[in-house]
Amino acid sequence: MKTKDKKDLFTKTEKELKKLLLEAKDNLFNLRIDLSQNKLKNTTSLMLKRKEIAWILTALKEKEIENAKNN
């Protein structure tokens, strides 16, 4: 995930972030299956996908905190 993409995460709505999170988790699941079947050539993609999920979760948490402060 590029720096620009990371910054864009913080401008998205919670609904969009949850959709991205679901897609990223599905993708990670498929990568793990490929790894177990020895189909995966680039094993660093697992680490990168986990980092992407962490960024999305961080952005979601920030949105929740922001909404709690406003209410």
PDB file of N, CA and C in Angstrom:
ATOM      1  N   MET A   1       0.853  -1.175   0.000  1.00  0.00           N
ATOM      2  CA  MET A   1       0.000   0.000   0.000  1.00  0.00           C
ATOM      3  C   MET A   1       0.893   1.230   0.000  1.00  0.00           C
ATOM      4  N   LYS A   2       0.633   2.104  -0.918  1.00  0.00           N
ATOM      5  CA  LYS A   2       1.455   3.298  -1.064  1.00  0.00           C
ATOM      6  C   LYS A   2       1.035   4.357  -0.060  1.00  0.00           C
ATOM      7  N   THR A   3       1.922   5.307   0.191  1.00  0.00           N
ATOM      8  CA  THR A   3       1.676   6.362   1.162  1.00  0.00           C
ATOM      9  C   THR A   3       0.410   7.143   0.815  1.00  0.00           C
ATOM     10  N   LYS A   4       0.210   7.410  -0.454  1.00  0.00           N
ATOM     11  CA  LYS A   4      -0.980   8.147  -0.869  1.00  0.00           C
ATOM     12  C   LYS A   4      -2.246   7.367  -0.517  1.00  0.00           C
ATOM     13  N   ASP A   5      -2.198   6.047  -0.719  1.00  0.00           N
ATOM     14  CA  ASP A   5      -3.343   5.207  -0.387  1.00  0.00           C
ATOM     15  C   ASP A   5      -3.616   5.217   1.113  1.00  0.00           C
ATOM     16  N   LYS A   6      -2.560   5.243   1.901  1.00  0.00           N
ATOM     17  CA  LYS A   6      -2.721   5.269   3.354  1.00  0.00           C
ATOM     18  C   LYS A   6      -3.394   6.567   3.789  1.00  0.00           C
ATOM     19  N   LYS A   7      -3.003   7.670   3.185  1.00  0.00           N
ATOM     20  CA  LYS A   7      -3.611   8.955   3.530  1.00  0.00           C
ATOM     21  C   LYS A   7      -5.069   9.001   3.096  1.00  0.00           C
ATOM     22  N   ASP A   8      -5.380   8.357   1.976  1.00  0.00           N
ATOM     23  CA  ASP A   8      -6.756   8.324   1.491  1.00  0.00           C
ATOM     24  C   ASP A   8      -7.668   7.533   2.419  1.00  0.00           C
ATOM     25  N   LEU A   9      -7.115   6.587   3.150  1.00  0.00           N
ATOM     26  CA  LEU A   9      -7.927   5.798   4.074  1.00  0.00           C
ATOM     27  C   LEU A   9      -8.605   6.682   5.117  1.00  0.00           C
ATOM     28  N   PHE A  10      -7.910   7.707   5.554  1.00  0.00           N
ATOM     29  CA  PHE A  10      -8.428   8.550   6.621  1.00  0.00           C
ATOM     30  C   PHE A  10      -9.505   9.526   6.128  1.00  0.00           C
ATOM     31  N   THR A  11      -9.685   9.610   4.810  1.00  0.00           N
ATOM     32  CA  THR A  11     -10.732  10.472   4.274  1.00  0.00           C
ATOM     33  C   THR A  11     -11.997   9.686   3.924  1.00  0.00           C
ATOM     34  N   LYS A  12     -11.934   8.379   3.995  1.00  0.00           N
ATOM     35  CA  LYS A  12     -13.084   7.536   3.643  1.00  0.00           C
ATOM     36  C   LYS A  12     -14.065   7.448   4.807  1.00  0.00           C
ATOM     37  N   THR A  13     -15.289   7.072   4.493  1.00  0.00           N
ATOM     38  CA  THR A  13     -16.312   6.898   5.520  1.00  0.00           C
ATOM     39  C   THR A  13     -16.138   5.537   6.186  1.00  0.00           C
ATOM     40  N   GLU A  14     -16.837   5.372   7.310  1.00  0.00           N
ATOM     41  CA  GLU A  14     -16.747   4.103   8.030  1.00  0.00           C
ATOM     42  C   GLU A  14     -17.257   2.947   7.180  1.00  0.00           C
ATOM     43  N   LYS A  15     -18.312   3.194   6.437  1.00  0.00           N
ATOM     44  CA  LYS A  15     -18.894   2.147   5.597  1.00  0.00           C
ATOM     45  C   LYS A  15     -17.891   1.682   4.542  1.00  0.00           C
ATOM     46  N   GLU A  16     -17.204   2.630   3.913  1.00  0.00           N
ATOM     47  CA  GLU A  16     -16.198   2.292   2.908  1.00  0.00           C
ATOM     48  C   GLU A  16     -15.029   1.536   3.537  1.00  0.00           C
ATOM     49  N   LEU A  17     -14.621   1.966   4.732  1.00  0.00           N
ATOM     50  CA  LEU A  17     -13.513   1.303   5.420  1.00  0.00           C
ATOM     51  C   LEU A  17     -13.876  -0.133   5.783  1.00  0.00           C
ATOM     52  N   LYS A  18     -15.093  -0.340   6.233  1.00  0.00           N
ATOM     53  CA  LYS A  18     -15.518  -1.701   6.588  1.00  0.00           C
ATOM     54  C   LYS A  18     -15.548  -2.600   5.357  1.00  0.00           C
ATOM     55  N   LYS A  19     -15.953  -2.041   4.234  1.00  0.00           N
ATOM     56  CA  LYS A  19     -15.964  -2.808   2.989  1.00  0.00           C
ATOM     57  C   LYS A  19     -14.528  -3.163   2.583  1.00  0.00           C
ATOM     58  N   LEU A  20     -13.618  -2.192   2.683  1.00  0.00           N
ATOM     59  CA  LEU A  20     -12.205  -2.450   2.372  1.00  0.00           C
ATOM     60  C   LEU A  20     -11.613  -3.506   3.297  1.00  0.00           C
ATOM     61  N   LEU A  21     -11.992  -3.436   4.568  1.00  0.00           N
ATOM     62  CA  LEU A  21     -11.487  -4.395   5.551  1.00  0.00           C
ATOM     63  C   LEU A  21     -11.945  -5.804   5.203  1.00  0.00           C
ATOM     64  N   LEU A  22     -13.193  -5.942   4.857  1.00  0.00           N
ATOM     65  CA  LEU A  22     -13.721  -7.248   4.488  1.00  0.00           C
ATOM     66  C   LEU A  22     -12.995  -7.808   3.261  1.00  0.00           C
ATOM     67  N   GLU A  23     -12.779  -6.968   2.263  1.00  0.00           N
ATOM     68  CA  GLU A  23     -12.071  -7.401   1.058  1.00  0.00           C
ATOM     69  C   GLU A  23     -10.624  -7.795   1.374  1.00  0.00           C
ATOM     70  N   ALA A  24      -9.974  -7.020   2.222  1.00  0.00           N
ATOM     71  CA  ALA A  24      -8.580  -7.308   2.568  1.00  0.00           C
ATOM     72  C   ALA A  24      -8.472  -8.619   3.345  1.00  0.00           C
ATOM     73  N   LYS A  25      -9.413  -8.864   4.239  1.00  0.00           N
ATOM     74  CA  LYS A  25      -9.389 -10.114   5.010  1.00  0.00           C
ATOM     75  C   LYS A  25      -9.647 -11.311   4.103  1.00  0.00           C
ATOM     76  N   ASP A  26     -10.555 -11.162   3.155  1.00  0.00           N
ATOM     77  CA  ASP A  26     -10.802 -12.245   2.195  1.00  0.00           C
ATOM     78  C   ASP A  26      -9.554 -12.515   1.362  1.00  0.00           C
ATOM     79  N   ASN A  27      -8.904 -11.444   0.950  1.00  0.00           N
ATOM     80  CA  ASN A  27      -7.681 -11.579   0.166  1.00  0.00           C
ATOM     81  C   ASN A  27      -6.587 -12.273   0.971  1.00  0.00           C
ATOM     82  N   LEU A  28      -6.458 -11.916   2.241  1.00  0.00           N
ATOM     83  CA  LEU A  28      -5.462 -12.546   3.106  1.00  0.00           C
ATOM     84  C   LEU A  28      -5.762 -14.036   3.258  1.00  0.00           C
ATOM     85  N   PHE A  29      -7.027 -14.380   3.415  1.00  0.00           N
ATOM     86  CA  PHE A  29      -7.427 -15.777   3.524  1.00  0.00           C
ATOM     87  C   PHE A  29      -6.996 -16.553   2.278  1.00  0.00           C
ATOM     88  N   ASN A  30      -7.256 -15.963   1.109  1.00  0.00           N
ATOM     89  CA  ASN A  30      -6.867 -16.627  -0.141  1.00  0.00           C
ATOM     90  C   ASN A  30      -5.353 -16.757  -0.271  1.00  0.00           C
ATOM     91  N   LEU A  31      -4.631 -15.750   0.200  1.00  0.00           N
ATOM     92  CA  LEU A  31      -3.169 -15.835   0.165  1.00  0.00           C
ATOM     93  C   LEU A  31      -2.670 -16.961   1.067  1.00  0.00           C
ATOM     94  N   ARG A  32      -3.287 -17.120   2.223  1.00  0.00           N
ATOM     95  CA  ARG A  32      -2.885 -18.197   3.138  1.00  0.00           C
ATOM     96  C   ARG A  32      -3.174 -19.565   2.542  1.00  0.00           C
ATOM     97  N   ILE A  33      -4.290 -19.689   1.856  1.00  0.00           N
ATOM     98  CA  ILE A  33      -4.610 -20.961   1.199  1.00  0.00           C
ATOM     99  C   ILE A  33      -3.579 -21.259   0.113  1.00  0.00           C
ATOM    100  N   ASP A  34      -3.252 -20.230  -0.678  1.00  0.00           N
ATOM    101  CA  ASP A  34      -2.238 -20.410  -1.720  1.00  0.00           C
ATOM    102  C   ASP A  34      -0.892 -20.803  -1.120  1.00  0.00           C
ATOM    103  N   LEU A  35      -0.556 -20.231   0.022  1.00  0.00           N
ATOM    104  CA  LEU A  35       0.704 -20.568   0.681  1.00  0.00           C
ATOM    105  C   LEU A  35       0.711 -22.029   1.122  1.00  0.00           C
ATOM    106  N   SER A  36      -0.398 -22.489   1.668  1.00  0.00           N
ATOM    107  CA  SER A  36      -0.447 -23.869   2.140  1.00  0.00           C
ATOM    108  C   SER A  36      -0.404 -24.871   0.987  1.00  0.00           C
ATOM    109  N   GLN A  37      -0.819 -24.448  -0.193  1.00  0.00           N
ATOM    110  CA  GLN A  37      -0.801 -25.322  -1.364  1.00  0.00           C
ATOM    111  C   GLN A  37       0.447 -25.107  -2.216  1.00  0.00           C
ATOM    112  N   ASN A  38       1.380 -24.349  -1.703  1.00  0.00           N
ATOM    113  CA  ASN A  38       2.645 -24.044  -2.388  1.00  0.00           C
ATOM    114  C   ASN A  38       2.433 -23.366  -3.736  1.00  0.00           C
ATOM    115  N   LYS A  39       1.387 -22.585  -3.868  1.00  0.00           N
ATOM    116  CA  LYS A  39       1.133 -21.827  -5.092  1.00  0.00           C
ATOM    117  C   LYS A  39       1.692 -20.412  -4.996  1.00  0.00           C
ATOM    118  N   LEU A  40       1.929 -19.950  -3.772  1.00  0.00           N
ATOM    119  CA  LEU A  40       2.323 -18.563  -3.554  1.00  0.00           C
ATOM    120  C   LEU A  40       3.817 -18.399  -3.796  1.00  0.00           C
ATOM    121  N   LYS A  41       4.165 -17.522  -4.727  1.00  0.00           N
ATOM    122  CA  LYS A  41       5.576 -17.256  -5.038  1.00  0.00           C
ATOM    123  C   LYS A  41       6.141 -16.161  -4.142  1.00  0.00           C
ATOM    124  N   ASN A  42       5.353 -15.103  -3.938  1.00  0.00           N
ATOM    125  CA  ASN A  42       5.807 -13.948  -3.176  1.00  0.00           C
ATOM    126  C   ASN A  42       5.219 -14.013  -1.767  1.00  0.00           C
ATOM    127  N   THR A  43       5.970 -14.542  -0.829  1.00  0.00           N
ATOM    128  CA  THR A  43       5.455 -14.709   0.529  1.00  0.00           C
ATOM    129  C   THR A  43       5.377 -13.394   1.296  1.00  0.00           C
ATOM    130  N   THR A  44       6.060 -12.366   0.814  1.00  0.00           N
ATOM    131  CA  THR A  44       5.984 -11.074   1.503  1.00  0.00           C
ATOM    132  C   THR A  44       4.613 -10.425   1.311  1.00  0.00           C
ATOM    133  N   SER A  45       3.849 -10.909   0.349  1.00  0.00           N
ATOM    134  CA  SER A  45       2.514 -10.355   0.138  1.00  0.00           C
ATOM    135  C   SER A  45       1.625 -10.602   1.357  1.00  0.00           C
ATOM    136  N   LEU A  46       1.889 -11.675   2.099  1.00  0.00           N
ATOM    137  CA  LEU A  46       1.148 -11.934   3.342  1.00  0.00           C
ATOM    138  C   LEU A  46       1.393 -10.820   4.352  1.00  0.00           C
ATOM    139  N   MET A  47       2.656 -10.475   4.530  1.00  0.00           N
ATOM    140  CA  MET A  47       3.012  -9.426   5.476  1.00  0.00           C
ATOM    141  C   MET A  47       2.416  -8.082   5.051  1.00  0.00           C
ATOM    142  N   LEU A  48       2.484  -7.790   3.771  1.00  0.00           N
ATOM    143  CA  LEU A  48       1.957  -6.522   3.266  1.00  0.00           C
ATOM    144  C   LEU A  48       0.442  -6.439   3.433  1.00  0.00           C
ATOM    145  N   LYS A  49      -0.234  -7.538   3.239  1.00  0.00           N
ATOM    146  CA  LYS A  49      -1.696  -7.550   3.388  1.00  0.00           C
ATOM    147  C   LYS A  49      -2.072  -7.361   4.859  1.00  0.00           C
ATOM    148  N   ARG A  50      -1.304  -7.972   5.767  1.00  0.00           N
ATOM    149  CA  ARG A  50      -1.572  -7.785   7.204  1.00  0.00           C
ATOM    150  C   ARG A  50      -1.361  -6.330   7.602  1.00  0.00           C
ATOM    151  N   LYS A  51      -0.337  -5.699   7.042  1.00  0.00           N
ATOM    152  CA  LYS A  51      -0.090  -4.281   7.327  1.00  0.00           C
ATOM    153  C   LYS A  51      -1.223  -3.421   6.794  1.00  0.00           C
ATOM    154  N   GLU A  52      -1.726  -3.765   5.617  1.00  0.00           N
ATOM    155  CA  GLU A  52      -2.846  -3.020   5.039  1.00  0.00           C
ATOM    156  C   GLU A  52      -4.081  -3.124   5.949  1.00  0.00           C
ATOM    157  N   ILE A  53      -4.326  -4.315   6.465  1.00  0.00           N
ATOM    158  CA  ILE A  53      -5.451  -4.510   7.379  1.00  0.00           C
ATOM    159  C   ILE A  53      -5.255  -3.664   8.635  1.00  0.00           C
ATOM    160  N   ALA A  54      -4.033  -3.591   9.123  1.00  0.00           N
ATOM    161  CA  ALA A  54      -3.744  -2.780  10.305  1.00  0.00           C
ATOM    162  C   ALA A  54      -4.019  -1.302  10.037  1.00  0.00           C
ATOM    163  N   TRP A  55      -3.646  -0.816   8.862  1.00  0.00           N
ATOM    164  CA  TRP A  55      -3.909   0.582   8.508  1.00  0.00           C
ATOM    165  C   TRP A  55      -5.405   0.857   8.472  1.00  0.00           C
ATOM    166  N   ILE A  56      -6.163  -0.076   7.899  1.00  0.00           N
ATOM    167  CA  ILE A  56      -7.616   0.099   7.807  1.00  0.00           C
ATOM    168  C   ILE A  56      -8.233   0.112   9.198  1.00  0.00           C
ATOM    169  N   LEU A  57      -7.785  -0.800  10.056  1.00  0.00           N
ATOM    170  CA  LEU A  57      -8.300  -0.847  11.427  1.00  0.00           C
ATOM    171  C   LEU A  57      -7.962   0.431  12.192  1.00  0.00           C
ATOM    172  N   THR A  58      -6.776   0.971  11.950  1.00  0.00           N
ATOM    173  CA  THR A  58      -6.374   2.219  12.602  1.00  0.00           C
ATOM    174  C   THR A  58      -7.278   3.366  12.157  1.00  0.00           C
ATOM    175  N   ALA A  59      -7.545   3.427  10.870  1.00  0.00           N
ATOM    176  CA  ALA A  59      -8.418   4.486  10.347  1.00  0.00           C
ATOM    177  C   ALA A  59      -9.834   4.341  10.908  1.00  0.00           C
ATOM    178  N   LEU A  60     -10.319   3.107  11.020  1.00  0.00           N
ATOM    179  CA  LEU A  60     -11.648   2.871  11.592  1.00  0.00           C
ATOM    180  C   LEU A  60     -11.710   3.313  13.050  1.00  0.00           C
ATOM    181  N   LYS A  61     -10.677   2.998  13.789  1.00  0.00           N
ATOM    182  CA  LYS A  61     -10.629   3.358  15.213  1.00  0.00           C
ATOM    183  C   LYS A  61     -10.615   4.881  15.369  1.00  0.00           C
ATOM    184  N   GLU A  62      -9.873   5.564  14.507  1.00  0.00           N
ATOM    185  CA  GLU A  62      -9.842   7.028  14.559  1.00  0.00           C
ATOM    186  C   GLU A  62     -11.223   7.611  14.298  1.00  0.00           C
ATOM    187  N   LYS A  63     -11.926   7.037  13.342  1.00  0.00           N
ATOM    188  CA  LYS A  63     -13.285   7.502  13.028  1.00  0.00           C
ATOM    189  C   LYS A  63     -14.217   7.304  14.229  1.00  0.00           C
ATOM    190  N   GLU A  64     -14.094   6.150  14.885  1.00  0.00           N
ATOM    191  CA  GLU A  64     -14.928   5.869  16.059  1.00  0.00           C
ATOM    192  C   GLU A  64     -14.641   6.860  17.191  1.00  0.00           C
ATOM    193  N   ILE A  65     -13.385   7.152  17.419  1.00  0.00           N
ATOM    194  CA  ILE A  65     -13.002   8.099  18.476  1.00  0.00           C
ATOM    195  C   ILE A  65     -13.512   9.490  18.130  1.00  0.00           C
ATOM    196  N   GLU A  66     -13.376   9.858  16.861  1.00  0.00           N
ATOM    197  CA  GLU A  66     -13.851  11.170  16.411  1.00  0.00           C
ATOM    198  C   GLU A  66     -15.362  11.295  16.597  1.00  0.00           C
ATOM    199  N   ASN A  67     -16.089  10.240  16.266  1.00  0.00           N
ATOM    200  CA  ASN A  67     -17.544  10.257  16.434  1.00  0.00           C
ATOM    201  C   ASN A  67     -17.936  10.301  17.911  1.00  0.00           C
ATOM    202  N   ALA A  68     -17.174   9.632  18.761  1.00  0.00           N
ATOM    203  CA  ALA A  68     -17.470   9.641  20.191  1.00  0.00           C
ATOM    204  C   ALA A  68     -17.244  11.042  20.786  1.00  0.00           C
ATOM    205  N   LYS A  69     -16.240  11.741  20.303  1.00  0.00           N
ATOM    206  CA  LYS A  69     -15.963  13.082  20.798  1.00  0.00           C
ATOM    207  C   LYS A  69     -17.049  14.055  20.368  1.00  0.00           C
ATOM    208  N   ASN A  70     -17.575  13.872  19.169  1.00  0.00           N
ATOM    209  CA  ASN A  70     -18.609  14.768  18.644  1.00  0.00           C
ATOM    210  C   ASN A  70     -19.962  14.574  19.329  1.00  0.00           C
ATOM    211  N   ASN A  71     -20.197  13.385  19.845  1.00  0.00           N
ATOM    212  CA  ASN A  71     -21.494  13.106  20.489  1.00  0.00           C
ATOM    213  C   ASN A  71     -21.491  13.411  21.942  1.00  0.00           C
TER     214      ASN A  71
END
